[in-house]
Amino acid sequence: QVRLMESGGGLVQPGGALRLSCVASGSRSSIYVMGWYRQAPEGERELVANVYDDGVTTYADHLKGRFTISRDNSENTVYLQMNRLKPEDTAAYYCHILIMFGHDIGEYWGQGTQVTVSS
């Protein structure tokens, strides 16, 4: 069974930084995409960033320059470095992966980790 374990959320002041981590376990296949989504209170879940197995990254346009996604394939871990945080970055952040099983795709979500940006 594939499981995702997120860590690194917390309370930070505006302008501060946090680094989120997500470890995927239980997969015997390589992970095609690893990424992060977020959902603010009373908001919809939105894509933050993705990183593909070849290292290609994609970001939400409004987060480029402040957030950096990376992955360690040997550890099945994805990271999200968040800098110059703003109150509007407050949200639950969810790890998300896609695994290719032949012609099928498995999609998995983490439980979420809360990030609160407040003074």
PDB file of N, CA and C in Angstrom:
ATOM      1  N   GLN A   1       0.845  -1.191   0.000  1.00  0.00           N
ATOM      2  CA  GLN A   1       0.000   0.000   0.000  1.00  0.00           C
ATOM      3  C   GLN A   1       0.880   1.240   0.000  1.00  0.00           C
ATOM      4  N   VAL A   2       0.598   2.143  -0.905  1.00  0.00           N
ATOM      5  CA  VAL A   2       1.375   3.373  -0.992  1.00  0.00           C
ATOM      6  C   VAL A   2       0.920   4.347   0.080  1.00  0.00           C
ATOM      7  N   ARG A   3       1.864   4.904   0.782  1.00  0.00           N
ATOM      8  CA  ARG A   3       1.567   5.898   1.818  1.00  0.00           C
ATOM      9  C   ARG A   3       2.478   7.096   1.650  1.00  0.00           C
ATOM     10  N   LEU A   4       1.933   8.267   1.964  1.00  0.00           N
ATOM     11  CA  LEU A   4       2.684   9.507   1.904  1.00  0.00           C
ATOM     12  C   LEU A   4       2.721  10.116   3.294  1.00  0.00           C
ATOM     13  N   MET A   5       3.905  10.492   3.721  1.00  0.00           N
ATOM     14  CA  MET A   5       4.060  11.087   5.048  1.00  0.00           C
ATOM     15  C   MET A   5       4.683  12.465   4.879  1.00  0.00           C
ATOM     16  N   GLU A   6       3.897  13.488   5.219  1.00  0.00           N
ATOM     17  CA  GLU A   6       4.351  14.867   5.103  1.00  0.00           C
ATOM     18  C   GLU A   6       4.879  15.370   6.437  1.00  0.00           C
ATOM     19  N   SER A   7       5.782  16.316   6.368  1.00  0.00           N
ATOM     20  CA  SER A   7       6.293  16.974   7.564  1.00  0.00           C
ATOM     21  C   SER A   7       6.817  18.359   7.199  1.00  0.00           C
ATOM     22  N   GLY A   8       7.028  19.172   8.224  1.00  0.00           N
ATOM     23  CA  GLY A   8       7.642  20.471   8.014  1.00  0.00           C
ATOM     24  C   GLY A   8       6.729  21.663   8.117  1.00  0.00           C
ATOM     25  N   GLY A   9       5.426  21.431   8.258  1.00  0.00           N
ATOM     26  CA  GLY A   9       4.515  22.560   8.398  1.00  0.00           C
ATOM     27  C   GLY A   9       4.650  23.206   9.762  1.00  0.00           C
ATOM     28  N   GLY A  10       3.983  24.344   9.923  1.00  0.00           N
ATOM     29  CA  GLY A  10       4.013  25.028  11.207  1.00  0.00           C
ATOM     30  C   GLY A  10       3.633  26.486  11.081  1.00  0.00           C
ATOM     31  N   LEU A  11       3.912  27.217  12.141  1.00  0.00           N
ATOM     32  CA  LEU A  11       3.623  28.648  12.208  1.00  0.00           C
ATOM     33  C   LEU A  11       4.902  29.428  11.913  1.00  0.00           C
ATOM     34  N   VAL A  12       4.810  30.386  11.026  1.00  0.00           N
ATOM     35  CA  VAL A  12       5.976  31.188  10.665  1.00  0.00           C
ATOM     36  C   VAL A  12       5.529  32.629  10.456  1.00  0.00           C
ATOM     37  N   GLN A  13       6.414  33.553  10.732  1.00  0.00           N
ATOM     38  CA  GLN A  13       6.092  34.961  10.549  1.00  0.00           C
ATOM     39  C   GLN A  13       6.203  35.336   9.070  1.00  0.00           C
ATOM     40  N   PRO A  14       5.483  36.365   8.684  1.00  0.00           N
ATOM     41  CA  PRO A  14       5.621  36.839   7.294  1.00  0.00           C
ATOM     42  C   PRO A  14       7.070  37.142   6.965  1.00  0.00           C
ATOM     43  N   GLY A  15       7.484  36.730   5.769  1.00  0.00           N
ATOM     44  CA  GLY A  15       8.866  36.898   5.366  1.00  0.00           C
ATOM     45  C   GLY A  15       9.750  35.715   5.711  1.00  0.00           C
ATOM     46  N   GLY A  16       9.239  34.807   6.514  1.00  0.00           N
ATOM     47  CA  GLY A  16      10.009  33.644   6.919  1.00  0.00           C
ATOM     48  C   GLY A  16      10.005  32.538   5.878  1.00  0.00           C
ATOM     49  N   ALA A  17      10.584  31.404   6.252  1.00  0.00           N
ATOM     50  CA  ALA A  17      10.712  30.278   5.339  1.00  0.00           C
ATOM     51  C   ALA A  17      10.359  28.974   6.034  1.00  0.00           C
ATOM     52  N   LEU A  18       9.895  28.039   5.257  1.00  0.00           N
ATOM     53  CA  LEU A  18       9.643  26.682   5.723  1.00  0.00           C
ATOM     54  C   LEU A  18      10.033  25.707   4.625  1.00  0.00           C
ATOM     55  N   ARG A  19      10.375  24.503   5.041  1.00  0.00           N
ATOM     56  CA  ARG A  19      10.666  23.445   4.086  1.00  0.00           C
ATOM     57  C   ARG A  19       9.781  22.254   4.406  1.00  0.00           C
ATOM     58  N   LEU A  20       8.945  21.888   3.449  1.00  0.00           N
ATOM     59  CA  LEU A  20       8.085  20.730   3.593  1.00  0.00           C
ATOM     60  C   LEU A  20       8.758  19.513   2.981  1.00  0.00           C
ATOM     61  N   SER A  21       8.503  18.359   3.594  1.00  0.00           N
ATOM     62  CA  SER A  21       9.012  17.096   3.071  1.00  0.00           C
ATOM     63  C   SER A  21       7.865  16.103   2.963  1.00  0.00           C
ATOM     64  N   CYS A  22       7.986  15.206   2.011  1.00  0.00           N
ATOM     65  CA  CYS A  22       6.994  14.145   1.845  1.00  0.00           C
ATOM     66  C   CYS A  22       7.723  12.885   1.410  1.00  0.00           C
ATOM     67  N   VAL A  23       7.565  11.838   2.206  1.00  0.00           N
ATOM     68  CA  VAL A  23       8.189  10.558   1.899  1.00  0.00           C
ATOM     69  C   VAL A  23       7.120   9.586   1.434  1.00  0.00           C
ATOM     70  N   ALA A  24       7.345   8.989   0.285  1.00  0.00           N
ATOM     71  CA  ALA A  24       6.429   7.983  -0.250  1.00  0.00           C
ATOM     72  C   ALA A  24       6.987   6.606   0.046  1.00  0.00           C
ATOM     73  N   SER A  25       6.133   5.754   0.594  1.00  0.00           N
ATOM     74  CA  SER A  25       6.559   4.398   0.897  1.00  0.00           C
ATOM     75  C   SER A  25       5.551   3.415   0.322  1.00  0.00           C
ATOM     76  N   GLY A  26       6.014   2.191   0.130  1.00  0.00           N
ATOM     77  CA  GLY A  26       5.118   1.125  -0.294  1.00  0.00           C
ATOM     78  C   GLY A  26       4.988   0.948  -1.794  1.00  0.00           C
ATOM     79  N   SER A  27       5.702   1.737  -2.573  1.00  0.00           N
ATOM     80  CA  SER A  27       5.591   1.609  -4.024  1.00  0.00           C
ATOM     81  C   SER A  27       6.735   0.771  -4.575  1.00  0.00           C
ATOM     82  N   ARG A  28       6.402  -0.181  -5.421  1.00  0.00           N
ATOM     83  CA  ARG A  28       7.423  -0.986  -6.083  1.00  0.00           C
ATOM     84  C   ARG A  28       7.739  -0.437  -7.457  1.00  0.00           C
ATOM     85  N   SER A  29       6.962   0.538  -7.898  1.00  0.00           N
ATOM     86  CA  SER A  29       7.194   1.168  -9.199  1.00  0.00           C
ATOM     87  C   SER A  29       7.773   2.557  -8.989  1.00  0.00           C
ATOM     88  N   SER A  30       8.437   3.038 -10.011  1.00  0.00           N
ATOM     89  CA  SER A  30       8.995   4.380  -9.902  1.00  0.00           C
ATOM     90  C   SER A  30       7.870   5.414  -9.938  1.00  0.00           C
ATOM     91  N   ILE A  31       8.098   6.511  -9.275  1.00  0.00           N
ATOM     92  CA  ILE A  31       7.089   7.562  -9.159  1.00  0.00           C
ATOM     93  C   ILE A  31       7.266   8.550 -10.297  1.00  0.00           C
ATOM     94  N   TYR A  32       6.224   8.703 -11.098  1.00  0.00           N
ATOM     95  CA  TYR A  32       6.296   9.563 -12.280  1.00  0.00           C
ATOM     96  C   TYR A  32       6.318  11.048 -11.891  1.00  0.00           C
ATOM     97  N   VAL A  33       5.375  11.443 -11.098  1.00  0.00           N
ATOM     98  CA  VAL A  33       5.274  12.851 -10.693  1.00  0.00           C
ATOM     99  C   VAL A  33       5.132  12.941  -9.186  1.00  0.00           C
ATOM    100  N   MET A  34       5.827  13.875  -8.594  1.00  0.00           N
ATOM    101  CA  MET A  34       5.662  14.204  -7.180  1.00  0.00           C
ATOM    102  C   MET A  34       5.374  15.693  -7.092  1.00  0.00           C
ATOM    103  N   GLY A  35       4.429  16.046  -6.257  1.00  0.00           N
ATOM    104  CA  GLY A  35       4.083  17.458  -6.204  1.00  0.00           C
ATOM    105  C   GLY A  35       3.396  17.870  -4.928  1.00  0.00           C
ATOM    106  N   TRP A  36       3.059  19.149  -4.896  1.00  0.00           N
ATOM    107  CA  TRP A  36       2.380  19.745  -3.754  1.00  0.00           C
ATOM    108  C   TRP A  36       1.179  20.549  -4.241  1.00  0.00           C
ATOM    109  N   TYR A  37       0.092  20.404  -3.509  1.00  0.00           N
ATOM    110  CA  TYR A  37      -1.096  21.219  -3.680  1.00  0.00           C
ATOM    111  C   TYR A  37      -1.365  21.902  -2.346  1.00  0.00           C
ATOM    112  N   ARG A  38      -2.201  22.918  -2.383  1.00  0.00           N
ATOM    113  CA  ARG A  38      -2.588  23.553  -1.131  1.00  0.00           C
ATOM    114  C   ARG A  38      -4.045  23.961  -1.182  1.00  0.00           C
ATOM    115  N   GLN A  39      -4.609  24.065   0.008  1.00  0.00           N
ATOM    116  CA  GLN A  39      -6.005  24.467   0.128  1.00  0.00           C
ATOM    117  C   GLN A  39      -6.156  25.384   1.320  1.00  0.00           C
ATOM    118  N   ALA A  40      -6.517  26.620   1.019  1.00  0.00           N
ATOM    119  CA  ALA A  40      -6.745  27.599   2.065  1.00  0.00           C
ATOM    120  C   ALA A  40      -8.148  27.417   2.640  1.00  0.00           C
ATOM    121  N   PRO A  41      -8.372  27.935   3.838  1.00  0.00           N
ATOM    122  CA  PRO A  41      -9.723  27.841   4.400  1.00  0.00           C
ATOM    123  C   PRO A  41     -10.756  28.412   3.446  1.00  0.00           C
ATOM    124  N   GLU A  42     -11.801  27.680   3.215  1.00  0.00           N
ATOM    125  CA  GLU A  42     -12.887  28.098   2.329  1.00  0.00           C
ATOM    126  C   GLU A  42     -12.417  28.308   0.893  1.00  0.00           C
ATOM    127  N   GLY A  43     -11.276  27.701   0.538  1.00  0.00           N
ATOM    128  CA  GLY A  43     -10.788  27.820  -0.837  1.00  0.00           C
ATOM    129  C   GLY A  43     -10.734  26.476  -1.517  1.00  0.00           C
ATOM    130  N   GLU A  44     -10.416  26.492  -2.810  1.00  0.00           N
ATOM    131  CA  GLU A  44     -10.288  25.255  -3.549  1.00  0.00           C
ATOM    132  C   GLU A  44      -8.832  24.784  -3.504  1.00  0.00           C
ATOM    133  N   ARG A  45      -8.660  23.490  -3.686  1.00  0.00           N
ATOM    134  CA  ARG A  45      -7.311  22.946  -3.728  1.00  0.00           C
ATOM    135  C   ARG A  45      -6.645  23.386  -5.027  1.00  0.00           C
ATOM    136  N   GLU A  46      -5.424  23.896  -4.899  1.00  0.00           N
ATOM    137  CA  GLU A  46      -4.716  24.392  -6.072  1.00  0.00           C
ATOM    138  C   GLU A  46      -3.321  23.799  -6.144  1.00  0.00           C
ATOM    139  N   LEU A  47      -2.834  23.676  -7.364  1.00  0.00           N
ATOM    140  CA  LEU A  47      -1.491  23.172  -7.583  1.00  0.00           C
ATOM    141  C   LEU A  47      -0.469  24.198  -7.123  1.00  0.00           C
ATOM    142  N   VAL A  48       0.536  23.727  -6.406  1.00  0.00           N
ATOM    143  CA  VAL A  48       1.671  24.574  -6.043  1.00  0.00           C
ATOM    144  C   VAL A  48       2.818  24.310  -7.003  1.00  0.00           C
ATOM    145  N   ALA A  49       3.242  23.052  -7.077  1.00  0.00           N
ATOM    146  CA  ALA A  49       4.371  22.703  -7.947  1.00  0.00           C
ATOM    147  C   ALA A  49       4.417  21.196  -8.146  1.00  0.00           C
ATOM    148  N   ASN A  50       5.008  20.797  -9.265  1.00  0.00           N
ATOM    149  CA  ASN A  50       5.250  19.395  -9.580  1.00  0.00           C
ATOM    150  C   ASN A  50       6.697  19.207 -10.004  1.00  0.00           C
ATOM    151  N   VAL A  51       7.210  18.023  -9.750  1.00  0.00           N
ATOM    152  CA  VAL A  51       8.516  17.652 -10.288  1.00  0.00           C
ATOM    153  C   VAL A  51       8.393  16.242 -10.864  1.00  0.00           C
ATOM    154  N   TYR A  52       8.826  16.098 -12.113  1.00  0.00           N
ATOM    155  CA  TYR A  52       8.711  14.827 -12.818  1.00  0.00           C
ATOM    156  C   TYR A  52       9.956  13.972 -12.572  1.00  0.00           C
ATOM    157  N   ASP A  53       9.870  12.729 -12.967  1.00  0.00           N
ATOM    158  CA  ASP A  53      10.976  11.815 -12.676  1.00  0.00           C
ATOM    159  C   ASP A  53      12.242  12.170 -13.436  1.00  0.00           C
ATOM    160  N   ASP A  54      12.121  12.984 -14.482  1.00  0.00           N
ATOM    161  CA  ASP A  54      13.311  13.420 -15.210  1.00  0.00           C
ATOM    162  C   ASP A  54      13.836  14.762 -14.698  1.00  0.00           C
ATOM    163  N   GLY A  55      13.217  15.278 -13.640  1.00  0.00           N
ATOM    164  CA  GLY A  55      13.687  16.514 -13.036  1.00  0.00           C
ATOM    165  C   GLY A  55      12.981  17.774 -13.497  1.00  0.00           C
ATOM    166  N   VAL A  56      12.129  17.666 -14.485  1.00  0.00           N
ATOM    167  CA  VAL A  56      11.390  18.828 -14.958  1.00  0.00           C
ATOM    168  C   VAL A  56      10.425  19.292 -13.869  1.00  0.00           C
ATOM    169  N   THR A  57      10.373  20.599 -13.681  1.00  0.00           N
ATOM    170  CA  THR A  57       9.500  21.164 -12.651  1.00  0.00           C
ATOM    171  C   THR A  57       8.469  22.110 -13.267  1.00  0.00           C
ATOM    172  N   THR A  58       7.331  22.187 -12.643  1.00  0.00           N
ATOM    173  CA  THR A  58       6.312  23.158 -13.023  1.00  0.00           C
ATOM    174  C   THR A  58       5.805  23.833 -11.751  1.00  0.00           C
ATOM    175  N   TYR A  59       5.423  25.088 -11.881  1.00  0.00           N
ATOM    176  CA  TYR A  59       4.966  25.866 -10.735  1.00  0.00           C
ATOM    177  C   TYR A  59       3.702  26.649 -11.088  1.00  0.00           C
ATOM    178  N   ALA A  60       2.923  26.909 -10.052  1.00  0.00           N
ATOM    179  CA  ALA A  60       1.875  27.902 -10.198  1.00  0.00           C
ATOM    180  C   ALA A  60       2.568  29.236 -10.474  1.00  0.00           C
ATOM    181  N   ASP A  61       2.081  29.952 -11.465  1.00  0.00           N
ATOM    182  CA  ASP A  61       2.774  31.173 -11.901  1.00  0.00           C
ATOM    183  C   ASP A  61       3.023  32.151 -10.758  1.00  0.00           C
ATOM    184  N   HIS A  62       2.045  32.317  -9.891  1.00  0.00           N
ATOM    185  CA  HIS A  62       2.159  33.330  -8.853  1.00  0.00           C
ATOM    186  C   HIS A  62       3.084  32.913  -7.714  1.00  0.00           C
ATOM    187  N   LEU A  63       3.599  31.674  -7.765  1.00  0.00           N
ATOM    188  CA  LEU A  63       4.505  31.212  -6.712  1.00  0.00           C
ATOM    189  C   LEU A  63       5.939  31.073  -7.202  1.00  0.00           C
ATOM    190  N   LYS A  64       6.131  31.226  -8.490  1.00  0.00           N
ATOM    191  CA  LYS A  64       7.487  31.138  -9.019  1.00  0.00           C
ATOM    192  C   LYS A  64       8.384  32.183  -8.376  1.00  0.00           C
ATOM    193  N   GLY A  65       9.599  31.755  -8.062  1.00  0.00           N
ATOM    194  CA  GLY A  65      10.559  32.682  -7.470  1.00  0.00           C
ATOM    195  C   GLY A  65      10.612  32.627  -5.961  1.00  0.00           C
ATOM    196  N   ARG A  66       9.507  32.204  -5.334  1.00  0.00           N
ATOM    197  CA  ARG A  66       9.510  32.093  -3.879  1.00  0.00           C
ATOM    198  C   ARG A  66       9.540  30.636  -3.428  1.00  0.00           C
ATOM    199  N   PHE A  67       8.928  29.747  -4.218  1.00  0.00           N
ATOM    200  CA  PHE A  67       8.858  28.340  -3.862  1.00  0.00           C
ATOM    201  C   PHE A  67       9.752  27.529  -4.796  1.00  0.00           C
ATOM    202  N   THR A  68      10.404  26.510  -4.230  1.00  0.00           N
ATOM    203  CA  THR A  68      11.245  25.624  -5.023  1.00  0.00           C
ATOM    204  C   THR A  68      10.940  24.179  -4.666  1.00  0.00           C
ATOM    205  N   ILE A  69      10.647  23.378  -5.678  1.00  0.00           N
ATOM    206  CA  ILE A  69      10.364  21.966  -5.460  1.00  0.00           C
ATOM    207  C   ILE A  69      11.564  21.148  -5.906  1.00  0.00           C
ATOM    208  N   SER A  70      11.820  20.065  -5.190  1.00  0.00           N
ATOM    209  CA  SER A  70      12.903  19.158  -5.556  1.00  0.00           C
ATOM    210  C   SER A  70      12.529  17.758  -5.083  1.00  0.00           C
ATOM    211  N   ARG A  71      13.255  16.771  -5.583  1.00  0.00           N
ATOM    212  CA  ARG A  71      12.969  15.402  -5.168  1.00  0.00           C
ATOM    213  C   ARG A  71      14.262  14.606  -5.093  1.00  0.00           C
ATOM    214  N   ASP A  72      14.217  13.608  -4.234  1.00  0.00           N
ATOM    215  CA  ASP A  72      15.311  12.655  -4.084  1.00  0.00           C
ATOM    216  C   ASP A  72      14.743  11.295  -4.466  1.00  0.00           C
ATOM    217  N   ASN A  73      15.048  10.843  -5.659  1.00  0.00           N
ATOM    218  CA  ASN A  73      14.468   9.597  -6.141  1.00  0.00           C
ATOM    219  C   ASN A  73      14.948   8.392  -5.336  1.00  0.00           C
ATOM    220  N   SER A  74      16.149   8.463  -4.826  1.00  0.00           N
ATOM    221  CA  SER A  74      16.663   7.333  -4.050  1.00  0.00           C
ATOM    222  C   SER A  74      15.912   7.157  -2.730  1.00  0.00           C
ATOM    223  N   GLU A  75      15.309   8.253  -2.257  1.00  0.00           N
ATOM    224  CA  GLU A  75      14.565   8.216  -0.992  1.00  0.00           C
ATOM    225  C   GLU A  75      13.059   8.359  -1.200  1.00  0.00           C
ATOM    226  N   ASN A  76      12.630   8.442  -2.473  1.00  0.00           N
ATOM    227  CA  ASN A  76      11.201   8.659  -2.773  1.00  0.00           C
ATOM    228  C   ASN A  76      10.642   9.823  -1.965  1.00  0.00           C
ATOM    229  N   THR A  77      11.392  10.902  -1.964  1.00  0.00           N
ATOM    230  CA  THR A  77      11.036  12.072  -1.159  1.00  0.00           C
ATOM    231  C   THR A  77      10.949  13.315  -2.041  1.00  0.00           C
ATOM    232  N   VAL A  78       9.950  14.125  -1.764  1.00  0.00           N
ATOM    233  CA  VAL A  78       9.810  15.402  -2.446  1.00  0.00           C
ATOM    234  C   VAL A  78       9.833  16.506  -1.402  1.00  0.00           C
ATOM    235  N   TYR A  79      10.458  17.608  -1.766  1.00  0.00           N
ATOM    236  CA  TYR A  79      10.607  18.743  -0.869  1.00  0.00           C
ATOM    237  C   TYR A  79       9.968  19.987  -1.490  1.00  0.00           C
ATOM    238  N   LEU A  80       9.544  20.877  -0.617  1.00  0.00           N
ATOM    239  CA  LEU A  80       9.063  22.182  -1.072  1.00  0.00           C
ATOM    240  C   LEU A  80       9.682  23.236  -0.161  1.00  0.00           C
ATOM    241  N   GLN A  81      10.610  23.983  -0.728  1.00  0.00           N
ATOM    242  CA  GLN A  81      11.222  25.088  -0.003  1.00  0.00           C
ATOM    243  C   GLN A  81      10.389  26.338  -0.266  1.00  0.00           C
ATOM    244  N   MET A  82       9.883  26.933   0.793  1.00  0.00           N
ATOM    245  CA  MET A  82       9.022  28.106   0.675  1.00  0.00           C
ATOM    246  C   MET A  82       9.712  29.282   1.355  1.00  0.00           C
ATOM    247  N   ASN A  83      10.005  30.301   0.575  1.00  0.00           N
ATOM    248  CA  ASN A  83      10.690  31.490   1.088  1.00  0.00           C
ATOM    249  C   ASN A  83       9.793  32.721   1.001  1.00  0.00           C
ATOM    250  N   ARG A  84      10.151  33.722   1.773  1.00  0.00           N
ATOM    251  CA  ARG A  84       9.418  35.006   1.771  1.00  0.00           C
ATOM    252  C   ARG A  84       7.916  34.749   1.885  1.00  0.00           C
ATOM    253  N   LEU A  85       7.559  33.981   2.868  1.00  0.00           N
ATOM    254  CA  LEU A  85       6.168  33.584   3.039  1.00  0.00           C
ATOM    255  C   LEU A  85       5.275  34.769   3.371  1.00  0.00           C
ATOM    256  N   LYS A  86       4.048  34.673   2.872  1.00  0.00           N
ATOM    257  CA  LYS A  86       3.051  35.728   3.055  1.00  0.00           C
ATOM    258  C   LYS A  86       1.831  35.146   3.767  1.00  0.00           C
ATOM    259  N   PRO A  87       1.056  35.990   4.424  1.00  0.00           N
ATOM    260  CA  PRO A  87      -0.157  35.481   5.078  1.00  0.00           C
ATOM    261  C   PRO A  87      -1.067  34.710   4.115  1.00  0.00           C
ATOM    262  N   GLU A  88      -1.109  35.099   2.872  1.00  0.00           N
ATOM    263  CA  GLU A  88      -1.963  34.401   1.907  1.00  0.00           C
ATOM    264  C   GLU A  88      -1.442  33.021   1.521  1.00  0.00           C
ATOM    265  N   ASP A  89      -0.248  32.670   1.989  1.00  0.00           N
ATOM    266  CA  ASP A  89       0.263  31.314   1.796  1.00  0.00           C
ATOM    267  C   ASP A  89      -0.284  30.348   2.844  1.00  0.00           C
ATOM    268  N   THR A  90      -1.001  30.884   3.814  1.00  0.00           N
ATOM    269  CA  THR A  90      -1.596  30.036   4.844  1.00  0.00           C
ATOM    270  C   THR A  90      -2.571  29.053   4.212  1.00  0.00           C
ATOM    271  N   ALA A  91      -2.318  27.766   4.463  1.00  0.00           N
ATOM    272  CA  ALA A  91      -3.143  26.722   3.855  1.00  0.00           C
ATOM    273  C   ALA A  91      -2.694  25.368   4.385  1.00  0.00           C
ATOM    274  N   ALA A  92      -3.496  24.366   4.109  1.00  0.00           N
ATOM    275  CA  ALA A  92      -3.064  22.987   4.279  1.00  0.00           C
ATOM    276  C   ALA A  92      -2.355  22.575   2.995  1.00  0.00           C
ATOM    277  N   TYR A  93      -1.167  22.046   3.126  1.00  0.00           N
ATOM    278  CA  TYR A  93      -0.369  21.643   1.973  1.00  0.00           C
ATOM    279  C   TYR A  93      -0.386  20.117   1.861  1.00  0.00           C
ATOM    280  N   TYR A  94      -0.709  19.647   0.670  1.00  0.00           N
ATOM    281  CA  TYR A  94      -0.875  18.223   0.437  1.00  0.00           C
ATOM    282  C   TYR A  94       0.161  17.711  -0.564  1.00  0.00           C
ATOM    283  N   CYS A  95       0.766  16.613  -0.192  1.00  0.00           N
ATOM    284  CA  CYS A  95       1.672  15.915  -1.104  1.00  0.00           C
ATOM    285  C   CYS A  95       0.831  15.071  -2.064  1.00  0.00           C
ATOM    286  N   HIS A  96       1.271  14.988  -3.297  1.00  0.00           N
ATOM    287  CA  HIS A  96       0.516  14.282  -4.340  1.00  0.00           C
ATOM    288  C   HIS A  96       1.506  13.573  -5.258  1.00  0.00           C
ATOM    289  N   ILE A  97       1.235  12.299  -5.568  1.00  0.00           N
ATOM    290  CA  ILE A  97       2.116  11.585  -6.484  1.00  0.00           C
ATOM    291  C   ILE A  97       1.302  10.814  -7.511  1.00  0.00           C
ATOM    292  N   LEU A  98       1.927  10.579  -8.658  1.00  0.00           N
ATOM    293  CA  LEU A  98       1.380   9.718  -9.697  1.00  0.00           C
ATOM    294  C   LEU A  98       2.396   8.621  -9.987  1.00  0.00           C
ATOM    295  N   ILE A  99       1.901   7.395 -10.002  1.00  0.00           N
ATOM    296  CA  ILE A  99       2.749   6.236 -10.270  1.00  0.00           C
ATOM    297  C   ILE A  99       2.217   5.530 -11.505  1.00  0.00           C
ATOM    298  N   MET A 100       3.103   5.210 -12.421  1.00  0.00           N
ATOM    299  CA  MET A 100       2.709   4.502 -13.620  1.00  0.00           C
ATOM    300  C   MET A 100       2.803   3.007 -13.386  1.00  0.00           C
ATOM    301  N   PHE A 101       1.660   2.335 -13.605  1.00  0.00           N
ATOM    302  CA  PHE A 101       1.628   0.875 -13.546  1.00  0.00           C
ATOM    303  C   PHE A 101       1.271   0.391 -14.947  1.00  0.00           C
ATOM    304  N   GLY A 102       2.270   0.262 -15.799  1.00  0.00           N
ATOM    305  CA  GLY A 102       1.973  -0.088 -17.170  1.00  0.00           C
ATOM    306  C   GLY A 102       1.161   1.020 -17.812  1.00  0.00           C
ATOM    307  N   HIS A 103      -0.069   0.680 -18.251  1.00  0.00           N
ATOM    308  CA  HIS A 103      -0.944   1.686 -18.869  1.00  0.00           C
ATOM    309  C   HIS A 103      -1.852   2.368 -17.850  1.00  0.00           C
ATOM    310  N   ASP A 104      -1.764   1.960 -16.609  1.00  0.00           N
ATOM    311  CA  ASP A 104      -2.596   2.551 -15.565  1.00  0.00           C
ATOM    312  C   ASP A 104      -1.801   3.548 -14.746  1.00  0.00           C
ATOM    313  N   ILE A 105      -2.525   4.469 -14.147  1.00  0.00           N
ATOM    314  CA  ILE A 105      -1.907   5.489 -13.297  1.00  0.00           C
ATOM    315  C   ILE A 105      -2.507   5.407 -11.908  1.00  0.00           C
ATOM    316  N   GLY A 106      -1.641   5.339 -10.920  1.00  0.00           N
ATOM    317  CA  GLY A 106      -2.092   5.389  -9.540  1.00  0.00           C
ATOM    318  C   GLY A 106      -1.887   6.788  -8.994  1.00  0.00           C
ATOM    319  N   GLU A 107      -2.903   7.322  -8.336  1.00  0.00           N
ATOM    320  CA  GLU A 107      -2.845   8.672  -7.781  1.00  0.00           C
ATOM    321  C   GLU A 107      -2.998   8.584  -6.276  1.00  0.00           C
ATOM    322  N   TYR A 108      -2.113   9.263  -5.566  1.00  0.00           N
ATOM    323  CA  TYR A 108      -2.101   9.174  -4.107  1.00  0.00           C
ATOM    324  C   TYR A 108      -1.921  10.560  -3.495  1.00  0.00           C
ATOM    325  N   TRP A 109      -2.586  10.744  -2.334  1.00  0.00           N
ATOM    326  CA  TRP A 109      -2.530  12.007  -1.604  1.00  0.00           C
ATOM    327  C   TRP A 109      -2.061  11.777  -0.180  1.00  0.00           C
ATOM    328  N   GLY A 110      -1.341  12.756   0.337  1.00  0.00           N
ATOM    329  CA  GLY A 110      -1.004  12.757   1.749  1.00  0.00           C
ATOM    330  C   GLY A 110      -2.150  13.327   2.569  1.00  0.00           C
ATOM    331  N   GLN A 111      -1.977  13.291   3.878  1.00  0.00           N
ATOM    332  CA  GLN A 111      -3.018  13.782   4.790  1.00  0.00           C
ATOM    333  C   GLN A 111      -3.010  15.303   4.910  1.00  0.00           C
ATOM    334  N   GLY A 112      -1.912  15.908   4.505  1.00  0.00           N
ATOM    335  CA  GLY A 112      -1.814  17.365   4.590  1.00  0.00           C
ATOM    336  C   GLY A 112      -1.023  17.823   5.794  1.00  0.00           C
ATOM    337  N   THR A 113      -0.334  18.924   5.618  1.00  0.00           N
ATOM    338  CA  THR A 113       0.385  19.556   6.714  1.00  0.00           C
ATOM    339  C   THR A 113       0.045  21.047   6.700  1.00  0.00           C
ATOM    340  N   GLN A 114      -0.254  21.586   7.864  1.00  0.00           N
ATOM    341  CA  GLN A 114      -0.736  22.964   7.942  1.00  0.00           C
ATOM    342  C   GLN A 114       0.423  23.946   7.964  1.00  0.00           C
ATOM    343  N   VAL A 115       0.309  24.959   7.153  1.00  0.00           N
ATOM    344  CA  VAL A 115       1.253  26.082   7.145  1.00  0.00           C
ATOM    345  C   VAL A 115       0.465  27.337   7.486  1.00  0.00           C
ATOM    346  N   THR A 116       0.892  28.015   8.529  1.00  0.00           N
ATOM    347  CA  THR A 116       0.236  29.248   8.945  1.00  0.00           C
ATOM    348  C   THR A 116       1.263  30.365   8.971  1.00  0.00           C
ATOM    349  N   VAL A 117       0.981  31.421   8.220  1.00  0.00           N
ATOM    350  CA  VAL A 117       1.884  32.572   8.140  1.00  0.00           C
ATOM    351  C   VAL A 117       1.194  33.736   8.835  1.00  0.00           C
ATOM    352  N   SER A 118       1.728  34.095   9.985  1.00  0.00           N
ATOM    353  CA  SER A 118       1.074  35.126  10.794  1.00  0.00           C
ATOM    354  C   SER A 118       2.080  35.733  11.748  1.00  0.00           C
ATOM    355  N   SER A 119       1.875  37.015  12.044  1.00  0.00           N
ATOM    356  CA  SER A 119       2.722  37.667  13.037  1.00  0.00           C
ATOM    357  C   SER A 119       2.077  37.622  14.409  1.00  0.00           C
TER     358      SER A 119
END
